[in-house]
Amino acid sequence: MSSDRLLLIIEDDAAFARTLGRSFERRDYKVLLAANLEEVAAILEKHSPTHAVVDLKLQDNTSGLTFVQMLHKHDPAMLIVVLTGFASINTAVEAIKLGACQYLAKPSNTDDIEAAFGHVAGADPVELTNRSTSIKTLEWERIHEVLAETGFNISETARRLGMHRRTLARKLDKQRVK
């Protein structure tokens, strides 16, 4: 598989990874998907990606920073963008130090990611967008994070969030995922 633009997506959410991959394929990228260390190592034995999108926090508690370091060591010219739902200044700085060209907070779309590939640290001035996140969105992201941590156990999630089980159930009904 050879292409001018070979993209490796490291993401443990299979549905999100497929959707993102299809979106990049429509933009003439060849796309490879991986969800863990073994899959990434196998891909790097056979391919040399030119671009990578790395989720910062994976389900098996592996940090995306491990992958950034591995990818940068494999090819220092690879353009790496880190995506996270848990943005912090410390991890952003660490990601850039380890070789990422950009660090984006979720939700980010294909346009945001492709623009980040085009921005190599310090090369161009970056336009700041004023896309604020609502309290409801932050609340929903936190609920989803704790749900995933508890294996989607509603009672345990409610206990960890300090809310009544019925209140959590009502919130989940309002935000039903289809």
N, C-alpha and C. Protein backbone atom coordinates (compact mmCIF):
# COMPACT_ATOMS: atom_id res chain seq x y z
N MET A 1 0.86 -1.18 0.00
CA MET A 1 0.00 0.00 0.00
C MET A 1 0.90 1.23 0.00
N SER A 2 0.95 1.93 -1.11
CA SER A 2 1.77 3.13 -1.16
C SER A 2 0.91 4.30 -1.59
N SER A 3 1.15 5.41 -0.96
CA SER A 3 0.40 6.62 -1.26
C SER A 3 1.22 7.81 -0.82
N ASP A 4 0.93 8.94 -1.44
CA ASP A 4 1.59 10.15 -0.98
C ASP A 4 1.15 10.49 0.43
N ARG A 5 -0.09 10.12 0.74
CA ARG A 5 -0.64 10.44 2.06
C ARG A 5 -1.23 9.17 2.68
N LEU A 6 -0.45 8.53 3.52
CA LEU A 6 -0.88 7.32 4.23
C LEU A 6 -1.13 7.70 5.68
N LEU A 7 -2.38 7.59 6.10
CA LEU A 7 -2.81 8.03 7.42
C LEU A 7 -3.04 6.84 8.34
N LEU A 8 -2.43 6.89 9.51
CA LEU A 8 -2.66 5.89 10.56
C LEU A 8 -3.54 6.53 11.62
N ILE A 9 -4.68 5.90 11.89
CA ILE A 9 -5.58 6.39 12.94
C ILE A 9 -5.50 5.42 14.11
N ILE A 10 -5.07 5.92 15.26
CA ILE A 10 -4.99 5.11 16.48
C ILE A 10 -6.12 5.57 17.39
N GLU A 11 -7.16 4.77 17.44
CA GLU A 11 -8.39 5.13 18.15
C GLU A 11 -9.07 3.85 18.61
N ASP A 12 -9.50 3.81 19.88
CA ASP A 12 -10.15 2.60 20.40
C ASP A 12 -11.66 2.59 20.17
N ASP A 13 -12.23 3.71 19.79
CA ASP A 13 -13.65 3.77 19.45
C ASP A 13 -13.77 3.40 17.96
N ALA A 14 -14.12 2.13 17.70
CA ALA A 14 -14.11 1.61 16.33
C ALA A 14 -15.03 2.40 15.40
N ALA A 15 -16.20 2.77 15.88
CA ALA A 15 -17.14 3.50 15.02
C ALA A 15 -16.57 4.87 14.64
N PHE A 16 -16.01 5.58 15.61
CA PHE A 16 -15.40 6.89 15.33
C PHE A 16 -14.23 6.73 14.37
N ALA A 17 -13.39 5.71 14.60
CA ALA A 17 -12.23 5.49 13.74
C ALA A 17 -12.65 5.21 12.30
N ARG A 18 -13.68 4.38 12.10
CA ARG A 18 -14.17 4.08 10.75
C ARG A 18 -14.72 5.34 10.07
N THR A 19 -15.50 6.11 10.82
CA THR A 19 -16.08 7.33 10.27
C THR A 19 -15.00 8.32 9.87
N LEU A 20 -14.04 8.52 10.75
CA LEU A 20 -12.93 9.42 10.46
C LEU A 20 -12.12 8.90 9.27
N GLY A 21 -11.89 7.61 9.25
CA GLY A 21 -11.14 7.00 8.15
C GLY A 21 -11.83 7.20 6.80
N ARG A 22 -13.14 6.98 6.76
CA ARG A 22 -13.89 7.17 5.51
C ARG A 22 -13.83 8.63 5.05
N SER A 23 -13.90 9.53 6.01
CA SER A 23 -13.85 10.95 5.69
C SER A 23 -12.49 11.30 5.06
N PHE A 24 -11.41 10.75 5.60
CA PHE A 24 -10.09 11.02 5.03
C PHE A 24 -9.89 10.30 3.70
N GLU A 25 -10.49 9.14 3.54
CA GLU A 25 -10.40 8.44 2.25
C GLU A 25 -11.04 9.27 1.14
N ARG A 26 -12.12 9.97 1.47
CA ARG A 26 -12.76 10.85 0.49
C ARG A 26 -11.85 12.02 0.12
N ARG A 27 -10.85 12.28 0.93
CA ARG A 27 -9.89 13.36 0.66
C ARG A 27 -8.59 12.79 0.08
N ASP A 28 -8.66 11.59 -0.45
CA ASP A 28 -7.53 10.93 -1.13
C ASP A 28 -6.39 10.53 -0.20
N TYR A 29 -6.70 10.16 1.02
CA TYR A 29 -5.72 9.54 1.91
C TYR A 29 -5.93 8.03 1.86
N LYS A 30 -4.88 7.27 1.98
CA LYS A 30 -4.99 5.84 2.27
C LYS A 30 -5.00 5.76 3.79
N VAL A 31 -5.90 4.94 4.35
CA VAL A 31 -6.09 4.94 5.80
C VAL A 31 -5.84 3.56 6.39
N LEU A 32 -5.11 3.53 7.50
CA LEU A 32 -4.90 2.32 8.30
C LEU A 32 -5.45 2.59 9.69
N LEU A 33 -6.12 1.61 10.28
CA LEU A 33 -6.70 1.76 11.62
C LEU A 33 -6.00 0.83 12.60
N ALA A 34 -5.80 1.33 13.82
CA ALA A 34 -5.23 0.52 14.90
C ALA A 34 -5.84 0.96 16.21
N ALA A 35 -5.95 0.02 17.15
CA ALA A 35 -6.56 0.34 18.44
C ALA A 35 -5.64 0.04 19.62
N ASN A 36 -4.51 -0.62 19.36
CA ASN A 36 -3.62 -0.95 20.48
C ASN A 36 -2.17 -1.05 20.01
N LEU A 37 -1.29 -1.28 20.94
CA LEU A 37 0.16 -1.29 20.69
C LEU A 37 0.55 -2.37 19.67
N GLU A 38 -0.03 -3.55 19.80
CA GLU A 38 0.32 -4.66 18.91
C GLU A 38 -0.06 -4.33 17.46
N GLU A 39 -1.24 -3.78 17.26
CA GLU A 39 -1.70 -3.42 15.92
C GLU A 39 -0.81 -2.34 15.30
N VAL A 40 -0.43 -1.37 16.11
CA VAL A 40 0.44 -0.29 15.60
C VAL A 40 1.81 -0.86 15.22
N ALA A 41 2.38 -1.72 16.06
CA ALA A 41 3.69 -2.31 15.77
C ALA A 41 3.64 -3.11 14.47
N ALA A 42 2.55 -3.88 14.27
CA ALA A 42 2.40 -4.68 13.05
C ALA A 42 2.30 -3.78 11.81
N ILE A 43 1.58 -2.69 11.93
CA ILE A 43 1.45 -1.76 10.80
C ILE A 43 2.79 -1.11 10.47
N LEU A 44 3.54 -0.72 11.50
CA LEU A 44 4.82 -0.04 11.26
C LEU A 44 5.86 -0.97 10.65
N GLU A 45 5.70 -2.29 10.83
CA GLU A 45 6.62 -3.24 10.19
C GLU A 45 6.43 -3.25 8.68
N LYS A 46 5.19 -3.03 8.22
CA LYS A 46 4.88 -3.15 6.80
C LYS A 46 4.72 -1.81 6.08
N HIS A 47 4.37 -0.76 6.82
CA HIS A 47 4.03 0.52 6.19
C HIS A 47 4.79 1.67 6.86
N SER A 48 4.89 2.76 6.14
CA SER A 48 5.47 3.99 6.67
C SER A 48 4.45 5.12 6.51
N PRO A 49 3.57 5.29 7.48
CA PRO A 49 2.56 6.36 7.37
C PRO A 49 3.22 7.73 7.30
N THR A 50 2.58 8.62 6.55
CA THR A 50 3.06 9.99 6.46
C THR A 50 2.34 10.88 7.47
N HIS A 51 1.14 10.43 7.91
CA HIS A 51 0.31 11.19 8.83
C HIS A 51 -0.25 10.22 9.89
N ALA A 52 -0.55 10.75 11.06
CA ALA A 52 -1.17 9.93 12.10
C ALA A 52 -2.11 10.80 12.95
N VAL A 53 -3.22 10.19 13.35
CA VAL A 53 -4.15 10.79 14.30
C VAL A 53 -4.17 9.84 15.49
N VAL A 54 -3.85 10.37 16.67
CA VAL A 54 -3.71 9.53 17.86
C VAL A 54 -4.66 10.02 18.94
N ASP A 55 -5.49 9.11 19.44
CA ASP A 55 -6.35 9.43 20.58
C ASP A 55 -5.47 9.43 21.83
N LEU A 56 -5.65 10.41 22.69
CA LEU A 56 -4.79 10.53 23.86
C LEU A 56 -5.07 9.46 24.92
N LYS A 57 -6.33 9.12 25.10
CA LYS A 57 -6.70 8.20 26.17
C LYS A 57 -7.41 6.99 25.58
N LEU A 58 -6.75 5.85 25.63
CA LEU A 58 -7.31 4.63 25.06
C LEU A 58 -7.88 3.75 26.17
N GLN A 59 -8.79 2.85 25.80
CA GLN A 59 -9.52 2.06 26.79
C GLN A 59 -8.63 1.16 27.65
N ASP A 60 -7.55 0.65 27.10
CA ASP A 60 -6.68 -0.23 27.89
C ASP A 60 -5.71 0.56 28.76
N ASN A 61 -6.05 1.83 29.02
CA ASN A 61 -5.25 2.75 29.85
C ASN A 61 -3.87 3.04 29.27
N THR A 62 -3.70 2.80 27.98
CA THR A 62 -2.47 3.18 27.31
C THR A 62 -2.59 4.64 26.92
N SER A 63 -1.56 5.40 27.20
CA SER A 63 -1.56 6.81 26.83
C SER A 63 -1.21 6.96 25.36
N GLY A 64 -1.90 7.84 24.68
CA GLY A 64 -1.59 8.14 23.30
C GLY A 64 -0.18 8.72 23.15
N LEU A 65 0.35 9.28 24.23
CA LEU A 65 1.71 9.83 24.18
C LEU A 65 2.74 8.74 23.90
N THR A 66 2.46 7.51 24.35
CA THR A 66 3.33 6.37 24.05
C THR A 66 3.41 6.17 22.54
N PHE A 67 2.24 6.28 21.87
CA PHE A 67 2.20 6.10 20.42
C PHE A 67 2.87 7.26 19.70
N VAL A 68 2.69 8.48 20.22
CA VAL A 68 3.34 9.64 19.60
C VAL A 68 4.85 9.43 19.60
N GLN A 69 5.39 9.01 20.73
CA GLN A 69 6.83 8.78 20.84
C GLN A 69 7.27 7.67 19.89
N MET A 70 6.50 6.58 19.83
CA MET A 70 6.82 5.45 18.94
C MET A 70 6.80 5.88 17.48
N LEU A 71 5.77 6.62 17.09
CA LEU A 71 5.63 7.05 15.69
C LEU A 71 6.73 8.03 15.31
N HIS A 72 7.04 8.95 16.20
CA HIS A 72 8.09 9.95 15.93
C HIS A 72 9.45 9.27 15.79
N LYS A 73 9.68 8.25 16.61
CA LYS A 73 10.94 7.50 16.53
C LYS A 73 11.00 6.73 15.21
N HIS A 74 9.87 6.19 14.76
CA HIS A 74 9.80 5.45 13.50
C HIS A 74 10.09 6.37 12.31
N ASP A 75 9.51 7.57 12.32
CA ASP A 75 9.71 8.53 11.23
C ASP A 75 9.54 9.95 11.77
N PRO A 76 10.64 10.64 12.02
CA PRO A 76 10.55 12.00 12.56
C PRO A 76 9.80 12.99 11.67
N ALA A 77 9.66 12.68 10.38
CA ALA A 77 8.95 13.58 9.47
C ALA A 77 7.43 13.35 9.47
N MET A 78 6.97 12.29 10.15
CA MET A 78 5.54 11.99 10.17
C MET A 78 4.79 13.11 10.88
N LEU A 79 3.66 13.53 10.29
CA LEU A 79 2.82 14.56 10.89
C LEU A 79 1.82 13.87 11.81
N ILE A 80 1.90 14.19 13.10
CA ILE A 80 1.08 13.52 14.11
C ILE A 80 0.18 14.54 14.79
N VAL A 81 -1.11 14.24 14.82
CA VAL A 81 -2.08 15.08 15.53
C VAL A 81 -2.67 14.25 16.66
N VAL A 82 -2.67 14.81 17.86
CA VAL A 82 -3.25 14.15 19.02
C VAL A 82 -4.65 14.71 19.24
N LEU A 83 -5.62 13.81 19.38
CA LEU A 83 -7.01 14.19 19.69
C LEU A 83 -7.33 13.77 21.11
N THR A 84 -8.04 14.62 21.84
CA THR A 84 -8.42 14.25 23.19
C THR A 84 -9.71 14.90 23.61
N GLY A 85 -10.44 14.19 24.42
CA GLY A 85 -11.62 14.73 25.07
C GLY A 85 -11.26 15.27 26.44
N PHE A 86 -10.00 15.10 26.84
CA PHE A 86 -9.54 15.48 28.18
C PHE A 86 -8.34 16.40 28.05
N ALA A 87 -8.53 17.53 27.42
CA ALA A 87 -7.42 18.44 27.12
C ALA A 87 -6.84 19.07 28.37
N SER A 88 -5.51 19.15 28.39
CA SER A 88 -4.82 19.88 29.46
C SER A 88 -3.54 20.46 28.88
N ILE A 89 -3.08 21.51 29.48
CA ILE A 89 -1.85 22.16 29.01
C ILE A 89 -0.66 21.22 29.14
N ASN A 90 -0.59 20.48 30.25
CA ASN A 90 0.54 19.57 30.45
C ASN A 90 0.64 18.52 29.36
N THR A 91 -0.48 17.88 29.02
CA THR A 91 -0.42 16.84 27.99
C THR A 91 -0.19 17.45 26.61
N ALA A 92 -0.69 18.64 26.38
CA ALA A 92 -0.45 19.31 25.09
C ALA A 92 1.04 19.58 24.91
N VAL A 93 1.67 20.12 25.94
CA VAL A 93 3.10 20.41 25.88
C VAL A 93 3.89 19.13 25.70
N GLU A 94 3.53 18.10 26.45
CA GLU A 94 4.23 16.82 26.36
C GLU A 94 4.08 16.20 24.97
N ALA A 95 2.88 16.26 24.39
CA ALA A 95 2.65 15.71 23.05
C ALA A 95 3.53 16.41 22.02
N ILE A 96 3.62 17.72 22.11
CA ILE A 96 4.45 18.48 21.15
C ILE A 96 5.92 18.14 21.35
N LYS A 97 6.36 18.03 22.60
CA LYS A 97 7.76 17.66 22.89
C LYS A 97 8.10 16.29 22.32
N LEU A 98 7.12 15.35 22.35
CA LEU A 98 7.37 13.99 21.88
C LEU A 98 7.28 13.84 20.37
N GLY A 99 6.82 14.89 19.67
CA GLY A 99 6.84 14.83 18.22
C GLY A 99 5.52 15.12 17.51
N ALA A 100 4.45 15.39 18.25
CA ALA A 100 3.19 15.72 17.60
C ALA A 100 3.30 17.12 16.99
N CYS A 101 2.62 17.33 15.85
CA CYS A 101 2.65 18.67 15.27
C CYS A 101 1.50 19.51 15.81
N GLN A 102 0.44 18.85 16.29
CA GLN A 102 -0.70 19.58 16.87
C GLN A 102 -1.41 18.72 17.90
N TYR A 103 -2.20 19.38 18.72
CA TYR A 103 -2.96 18.77 19.80
C TYR A 103 -4.35 19.40 19.74
N LEU A 104 -5.38 18.60 19.45
CA LEU A 104 -6.73 19.14 19.28
C LEU A 104 -7.68 18.54 20.30
N ALA A 105 -8.56 19.38 20.84
CA ALA A 105 -9.59 18.90 21.75
C ALA A 105 -10.78 18.42 20.93
N LYS A 106 -11.38 17.33 21.39
CA LYS A 106 -12.61 16.83 20.75
C LYS A 106 -13.75 17.73 21.18
N PRO A 107 -14.75 17.96 20.40
CA PRO A 107 -14.92 17.39 19.08
C PRO A 107 -14.14 18.17 18.03
N SER A 108 -13.41 17.44 17.22
CA SER A 108 -12.70 18.03 16.08
C SER A 108 -13.13 17.27 14.84
N ASN A 109 -13.30 17.99 13.76
CA ASN A 109 -13.73 17.33 12.53
C ASN A 109 -12.55 17.15 11.59
N THR A 110 -12.82 16.57 10.44
CA THR A 110 -11.77 16.28 9.46
C THR A 110 -11.09 17.57 8.99
N ASP A 111 -11.87 18.64 8.83
CA ASP A 111 -11.27 19.92 8.43
C ASP A 111 -10.25 20.40 9.46
N ASP A 112 -10.61 20.30 10.76
CA ASP A 112 -9.71 20.72 11.83
C ASP A 112 -8.42 19.91 11.80
N ILE A 113 -8.57 18.60 11.62
CA ILE A 113 -7.40 17.71 11.65
C ILE A 113 -6.50 17.96 10.44
N GLU A 114 -7.12 18.10 9.27
CA GLU A 114 -6.31 18.35 8.08
C GLU A 114 -5.59 19.71 8.17
N ALA A 115 -6.26 20.70 8.74
CA ALA A 115 -5.61 22.01 8.95
C ALA A 115 -4.44 21.87 9.92
N ALA A 116 -4.62 21.02 10.93
CA ALA A 116 -3.54 20.79 11.90
C ALA A 116 -2.34 20.13 11.23
N PHE A 117 -2.59 19.21 10.28
CA PHE A 117 -1.48 18.61 9.53
C PHE A 117 -0.71 19.68 8.76
N GLY A 118 -1.43 20.67 8.26
CA GLY A 118 -0.82 21.74 7.49
C GLY A 118 -0.03 22.72 8.34
N HIS A 119 -0.26 22.67 9.64
CA HIS A 119 0.43 23.60 10.54
C HIS A 119 1.54 22.87 11.27
N VAL A 120 2.74 23.05 10.82
CA VAL A 120 3.89 22.50 11.52
C VAL A 120 4.31 23.55 12.53
N ALA A 121 4.57 23.12 13.75
CA ALA A 121 4.83 24.03 14.87
C ALA A 121 5.71 25.21 14.47
N GLY A 122 5.16 26.40 14.64
CA GLY A 122 5.89 27.63 14.42
C GLY A 122 5.97 28.09 12.97
N ALA A 123 5.47 27.28 12.02
CA ALA A 123 5.61 27.64 10.61
C ALA A 123 4.63 28.73 10.19
N ASP A 124 3.40 28.67 10.66
CA ASP A 124 2.37 29.63 10.26
C ASP A 124 1.68 30.16 11.51
N PRO A 125 1.17 31.38 11.42
CA PRO A 125 0.36 31.84 12.54
C PRO A 125 -0.95 31.05 12.59
N VAL A 126 -1.39 30.74 13.78
CA VAL A 126 -2.60 29.95 13.95
C VAL A 126 -3.76 30.85 14.29
N GLU A 127 -4.86 30.69 13.54
CA GLU A 127 -6.07 31.44 13.86
C GLU A 127 -6.79 30.73 14.99
N LEU A 128 -7.14 31.49 16.00
CA LEU A 128 -7.88 30.91 17.11
C LEU A 128 -9.36 30.98 16.79
N THR A 129 -10.02 29.85 16.99
CA THR A 129 -11.46 29.82 16.76
C THR A 129 -12.16 29.98 18.10
N ASN A 130 -13.29 30.59 18.07
CA ASN A 130 -14.05 30.79 19.29
C ASN A 130 -15.20 29.79 19.31
N ARG A 131 -14.85 28.52 19.46
CA ARG A 131 -15.86 27.48 19.49
C ARG A 131 -15.95 27.00 20.93
N SER A 132 -16.85 27.60 21.68
CA SER A 132 -16.93 27.26 23.10
C SER A 132 -17.75 25.98 23.29
N THR A 133 -17.48 25.31 24.38
CA THR A 133 -18.19 24.09 24.72
C THR A 133 -19.20 24.42 25.80
N SER A 134 -20.41 23.96 25.61
CA SER A 134 -21.46 24.26 26.58
C SER A 134 -21.31 23.39 27.82
N ILE A 135 -21.90 23.83 28.91
CA ILE A 135 -21.90 23.07 30.15
C ILE A 135 -22.57 21.72 29.94
N LYS A 136 -23.65 21.70 29.16
CA LYS A 136 -24.35 20.44 28.89
C LYS A 136 -23.46 19.45 28.15
N THR A 137 -22.68 19.96 27.20
CA THR A 137 -21.76 19.08 26.47
C THR A 137 -20.69 18.53 27.41
N LEU A 138 -20.13 19.38 28.24
CA LEU A 138 -19.12 18.93 29.20
C LEU A 138 -19.71 17.90 30.16
N GLU A 139 -20.94 18.16 30.62
CA GLU A 139 -21.61 17.22 31.53
C GLU A 139 -21.81 15.88 30.83
N TRP A 140 -22.28 15.90 29.58
CA TRP A 140 -22.52 14.67 28.84
C TRP A 140 -21.22 13.91 28.62
N GLU A 141 -20.13 14.61 28.30
CA GLU A 141 -18.84 13.95 28.10
C GLU A 141 -18.37 13.29 29.39
N ARG A 142 -18.56 13.97 30.52
CA ARG A 142 -18.15 13.39 31.81
C ARG A 142 -19.00 12.17 32.15
N ILE A 143 -20.30 12.25 31.90
CA ILE A 143 -21.18 11.10 32.16
C ILE A 143 -20.73 9.93 31.29
N HIS A 144 -20.46 10.18 30.03
CA HIS A 144 -20.05 9.11 29.12
C HIS A 144 -18.72 8.50 29.55
N GLU A 145 -17.79 9.35 29.99
CA GLU A 145 -16.49 8.87 30.46
C GLU A 145 -16.67 7.92 31.64
N VAL A 146 -17.47 8.31 32.63
CA VAL A 146 -17.67 7.48 33.81
C VAL A 146 -18.46 6.22 33.45
N LEU A 147 -19.43 6.34 32.55
CA LEU A 147 -20.15 5.15 32.08
C LEU A 147 -19.18 4.13 31.49
N ALA A 148 -18.28 4.58 30.66
CA ALA A 148 -17.30 3.67 30.05
C ALA A 148 -16.40 3.06 31.11
N GLU A 149 -15.99 3.85 32.11
CA GLU A 149 -15.13 3.35 33.18
C GLU A 149 -15.80 2.25 33.98
N THR A 150 -17.12 2.35 34.14
CA THR A 150 -17.87 1.38 34.96
C THR A 150 -18.46 0.25 34.14
N GLY A 151 -18.11 0.16 32.88
CA GLY A 151 -18.67 -0.88 32.03
C GLY A 151 -20.16 -0.67 31.79
N PHE A 152 -20.58 0.60 31.74
CA PHE A 152 -21.97 1.01 31.48
C PHE A 152 -22.93 0.53 32.57
N ASN A 153 -22.41 0.47 33.80
CA ASN A 153 -23.23 0.17 34.97
C ASN A 153 -23.83 1.48 35.46
N ILE A 154 -25.14 1.65 35.30
CA ILE A 154 -25.79 2.92 35.61
C ILE A 154 -25.75 3.22 37.11
N SER A 155 -25.98 2.21 37.94
CA SER A 155 -25.97 2.45 39.39
C SER A 155 -24.60 2.91 39.88
N GLU A 156 -23.55 2.24 39.42
CA GLU A 156 -22.19 2.60 39.82
C GLU A 156 -21.80 3.98 39.27
N THR A 157 -22.22 4.26 38.03
CA THR A 157 -21.94 5.56 37.42
C THR A 157 -22.61 6.67 38.23
N ALA A 158 -23.87 6.47 38.60
CA ALA A 158 -24.58 7.47 39.39
C ALA A 158 -23.89 7.70 40.73
N ARG A 159 -23.44 6.62 41.36
CA ARG A 159 -22.75 6.74 42.65
C ARG A 159 -21.47 7.56 42.48
N ARG A 160 -20.67 7.26 41.45
CA ARG A 160 -19.41 7.98 41.23
C ARG A 160 -19.63 9.45 40.89
N LEU A 161 -20.74 9.73 40.20
CA LEU A 161 -21.03 11.12 39.83
C LEU A 161 -21.75 11.88 40.94
N GLY A 162 -22.16 11.17 42.00
CA GLY A 162 -22.84 11.82 43.11
C GLY A 162 -24.25 12.27 42.77
N MET A 163 -24.93 11.47 41.95
CA MET A 163 -26.31 11.81 41.60
C MET A 163 -27.20 10.59 41.80
N HIS A 164 -28.48 10.83 41.88
CA HIS A 164 -29.43 9.74 42.04
C HIS A 164 -29.50 8.93 40.76
N ARG A 165 -29.70 7.63 40.88
CA ARG A 165 -29.75 6.74 39.72
C ARG A 165 -30.84 7.16 38.74
N ARG A 166 -32.01 7.54 39.24
CA ARG A 166 -33.11 7.94 38.36
C ARG A 166 -32.78 9.22 37.59
N THR A 167 -32.09 10.15 38.24
CA THR A 167 -31.67 11.38 37.56
C THR A 167 -30.75 11.05 36.39
N LEU A 168 -29.79 10.16 36.65
CA LEU A 168 -28.89 9.75 35.58
C LEU A 168 -29.66 9.05 34.45
N ALA A 169 -30.58 8.19 34.81
CA ALA A 169 -31.38 7.48 33.80
C ALA A 169 -32.17 8.47 32.93
N ARG A 170 -32.73 9.52 33.55
CA ARG A 170 -33.46 10.53 32.78
C ARG A 170 -32.53 11.28 31.83
N LYS A 171 -31.34 11.64 32.31
CA LYS A 171 -30.37 12.32 31.45
C LYS A 171 -29.98 11.44 30.27
N LEU A 172 -29.79 10.16 30.53
CA LEU A 172 -29.42 9.22 29.45
C LEU A 172 -30.54 9.07 28.44
N ASP A 173 -31.78 9.07 28.91
CA ASP A 173 -32.93 8.97 27.99
C ASP A 173 -33.01 10.19 27.08
N LYS A 174 -32.67 11.37 27.63
CA LYS A 174 -32.71 12.59 26.82
C LYS A 174 -31.62 12.60 25.77
N GLN A 175 -30.49 11.97 26.05
CA GLN A 175 -29.34 11.97 25.14
C GLN A 175 -29.13 10.61 24.48
N ARG A 176 -30.21 9.89 24.26
CA ARG A 176 -30.13 8.54 23.71
C ARG A 176 -29.32 8.54 22.42
N VAL A 177 -28.33 7.63 22.35
CA VAL A 177 -27.49 7.49 21.17
C VAL A 177 -28.16 6.50 20.23
N LYS A 178 -28.27 6.88 18.96
CA LYS A 178 -28.94 6.01 17.98
C LYS A 178 -27.96 5.31 17.11
